[in-house]
C-alpha atoms as a PDB file:
ATOM      1  CA  MET A   1       2.136 -63.145 -43.934  1.00  0.00           C
ATOM      2  CA  LYS A   2       0.949 -60.741 -46.618  1.00  0.00           C
ATOM      3  CA  ASN A   3      -2.313 -62.592 -47.341  1.00  0.00           C
ATOM      4  CA  ILE A   4      -3.788 -61.257 -44.120  1.00  0.00           C
ATOM      5  CA  GLU A   5      -3.273 -57.544 -44.855  1.00  0.00           C
ATOM      6  CA  PRO A   6      -6.733 -57.094 -46.466  1.00  0.00           C
ATOM      7  CA  ILE A   7      -8.259 -58.988 -43.534  1.00  0.00           C
ATOM      8  CA  ILE A   8      -6.552 -56.682 -41.036  1.00  0.00           C
ATOM      9  CA  LYS A   9      -7.867 -53.659 -42.950  1.00  0.00           C
ATOM     10  CA  LEU A  10     -11.443 -54.978 -42.862  1.00  0.00           C
ATOM     11  CA  LEU A  11     -11.201 -55.721 -39.143  1.00  0.00           C
ATOM     12  CA  THR A  12      -9.871 -52.193 -38.579  1.00  0.00           C
ATOM     13  CA  VAL A  13     -12.882 -50.747 -40.413  1.00  0.00           C
ATOM     14  CA  ILE A  14     -15.213 -52.691 -38.094  1.00  0.00           C
ATOM     15  CA  ILE A  15     -13.239 -51.666 -34.993  1.00  0.00           C
ATOM     16  CA  GLU A  16     -13.330 -47.976 -35.929  1.00  0.00           C
ATOM     17  CA  ASP A  17     -17.052 -47.935 -36.824  1.00  0.00           C
ATOM     18  CA  ARG A  18     -18.813 -46.290 -33.859  1.00  0.00           C
ATOM     19  CA  THR A  19     -22.227 -47.564 -35.007  1.00  0.00           C
ATOM     20  CA  VAL A  20     -21.105 -51.129 -34.256  1.00  0.00           C
ATOM     21  CA  PRO A  21     -21.869 -52.316 -30.694  1.00  0.00           C
ATOM     22  CA  ARG A  22     -18.932 -52.381 -28.299  1.00  0.00           C
ATOM     23  CA  ASN A  23     -18.896 -56.176 -27.799  1.00  0.00           C
ATOM     24  CA  ILE A  24     -18.651 -56.734 -31.550  1.00  0.00           C
ATOM     25  CA  ARG A  25     -15.840 -54.202 -31.906  1.00  0.00           C
ATOM     26  CA  ALA A  26     -14.066 -55.944 -29.002  1.00  0.00           C
ATOM     27  CA  ALA A  27     -14.346 -59.328 -30.740  1.00  0.00           C
ATOM     28  CA  ALA A  28     -12.986 -57.836 -33.966  1.00  0.00           C
ATOM     29  CA  GLU A  29     -10.117 -56.306 -31.965  1.00  0.00           C
ATOM     30  CA  GLU A  30      -9.379 -59.692 -30.381  1.00  0.00           C
ATOM     31  CA  ALA A  31      -9.355 -61.405 -33.796  1.00  0.00           C
ATOM     32  CA  LYS A  32      -7.046 -58.701 -35.155  1.00  0.00           C
ATOM     33  CA  LYS A  33      -4.736 -59.118 -32.166  1.00  0.00           C
ATOM     34  CA  GLU A  34      -4.538 -62.881 -32.788  1.00  0.00           C
ATOM     35  CA  LEU A  35      -3.410 -62.218 -36.340  1.00  0.00           C
ATOM     36  CA  THR A  36      -0.992 -59.347 -35.747  1.00  0.00           C
ATOM     37  CA  GLU A  37       0.788 -60.018 -32.454  1.00  0.00           C
ATOM     38  CA  LYS A  38       3.834 -62.218 -32.316  1.00  0.00           C
ATOM     39  CA  SER A  39       2.934 -65.597 -30.901  1.00  0.00           C
ATOM     40  CA  ASP A  40       4.383 -69.041 -30.320  1.00  0.00           C
ATOM     41  CA  ASN A  41       1.294 -70.517 -31.973  1.00  0.00           C
ATOM     42  CA  THR A  42       1.385 -71.679 -35.570  1.00  0.00           C
ATOM     43  CA  TRP A  43      -0.519 -69.750 -38.226  1.00  0.00           C
ATOM     44  CA  ASP A  44      -3.078 -72.552 -38.362  1.00  0.00           C
ATOM     45  CA  ILE A  45      -3.902 -72.083 -34.678  1.00  0.00           C
ATOM     46  CA  ARG A  46      -3.927 -68.289 -34.930  1.00  0.00           C
ATOM     47  CA  LEU A  47      -6.288 -68.361 -37.920  1.00  0.00           C
ATOM     48  CA  SER A  48      -8.579 -70.878 -36.206  1.00  0.00           C
ATOM     49  CA  SER A  49      -8.682 -68.739 -33.083  1.00  0.00           C
ATOM     50  CA  ALA A  50      -9.620 -65.623 -35.065  1.00  0.00           C
ATOM     51  CA  ILE A  51     -12.336 -67.539 -36.946  1.00  0.00           C
ATOM     52  CA  SER A  52     -13.722 -68.908 -33.686  1.00  0.00           C
ATOM     53  CA  THR A  53     -13.809 -65.451 -32.088  1.00  0.00           C
ATOM     54  CA  LEU A  54     -15.752 -64.028 -35.019  1.00  0.00           C
ATOM     55  CA  ASP A  55     -18.081 -67.051 -35.210  1.00  0.00           C
ATOM     56  CA  ASP A  56     -19.026 -66.512 -31.570  1.00  0.00           C
ATOM     57  CA  ILE A  57     -20.504 -63.083 -32.297  1.00  0.00           C
ATOM     58  CA  ILE A  58     -21.965 -63.626 -35.760  1.00  0.00           C
ATOM     59  CA  ASN A  59     -25.500 -64.276 -34.451  1.00  0.00           C
ATOM     60  CA  ASP A  60     -25.624 -61.295 -32.104  1.00  0.00           C
ATOM     61  CA  PRO A  61     -29.081 -59.719 -32.592  1.00  0.00           C
ATOM     62  CA  ASN A  62     -27.671 -56.212 -32.047  1.00  0.00           C
ATOM     63  CA  MET A  63     -25.238 -56.474 -34.951  1.00  0.00           C
ATOM     64  CA  PRO A  64     -26.001 -54.212 -37.919  1.00  0.00           C
ATOM     65  CA  ILE A  65     -26.647 -56.166 -41.118  1.00  0.00           C
ATOM     66  CA  TYR A  66     -23.769 -54.556 -43.005  1.00  0.00           C
ATOM     67  CA  THR A  67     -21.384 -55.467 -40.166  1.00  0.00           C
ATOM     68  CA  ARG A  68     -22.569 -59.080 -40.247  1.00  0.00           C
ATOM     69  CA  THR A  69     -21.805 -59.129 -43.977  1.00  0.00           C
ATOM     70  CA  GLN A  70     -18.331 -57.685 -43.326  1.00  0.00           C
ATOM     71  CA  ILE A  71     -17.636 -60.339 -40.681  1.00  0.00           C
ATOM     72  CA  TRP A  72     -18.808 -63.141 -42.987  1.00  0.00           C
ATOM     73  CA  ASN A  73     -16.425 -61.761 -45.586  1.00  0.00           C
ATOM     74  CA  VAL A  74     -13.541 -61.709 -43.082  1.00  0.00           C
ATOM     75  CA  VAL A  75     -14.295 -65.288 -41.971  1.00  0.00           C
ATOM     76  CA  SER A  76     -14.362 -66.444 -45.609  1.00  0.00           C
ATOM     77  CA  MET A  77     -11.025 -64.761 -46.259  1.00  0.00           C
ATOM     78  CA  LEU A  78      -9.517 -66.324 -43.118  1.00  0.00           C
ATOM     79  CA  GLU A  79     -10.730 -69.771 -44.178  1.00  0.00           C
ATOM     80  CA  ALA A  80      -9.218 -69.272 -47.639  1.00  0.00           C
ATOM     81  CA  VAL A  81      -5.848 -68.344 -46.113  1.00  0.00           C
ATOM     82  CA  LYS A  82      -6.074 -71.360 -43.797  1.00  0.00           C
ATOM     83  CA  ARG A  83      -6.701 -73.684 -46.773  1.00  0.00           C
ATOM     84  CA  GLU A  84      -3.585 -72.317 -48.491  1.00  0.00           C
ATOM     85  CA  LEU A  85      -1.354 -73.321 -45.570  1.00  0.00           C
END
């Protein structure tokens, strides 16, 4: 699915940013894995799982403000892709 390529790139930026706390990078990695690995789940389920993973960490008090903005952007993009299905 080519609509998720920009999302994968944004998640990769978060994962590779060493100023982001480890638990947040791990959640971004998990969301990326949901979207990139082959799975028996439908795209709807995979997108929902990635959104849920990112929603769980969005209120972390240790998250840098710019990272929170990036994650909101990723969640918005995921929801847009989900609506297109």
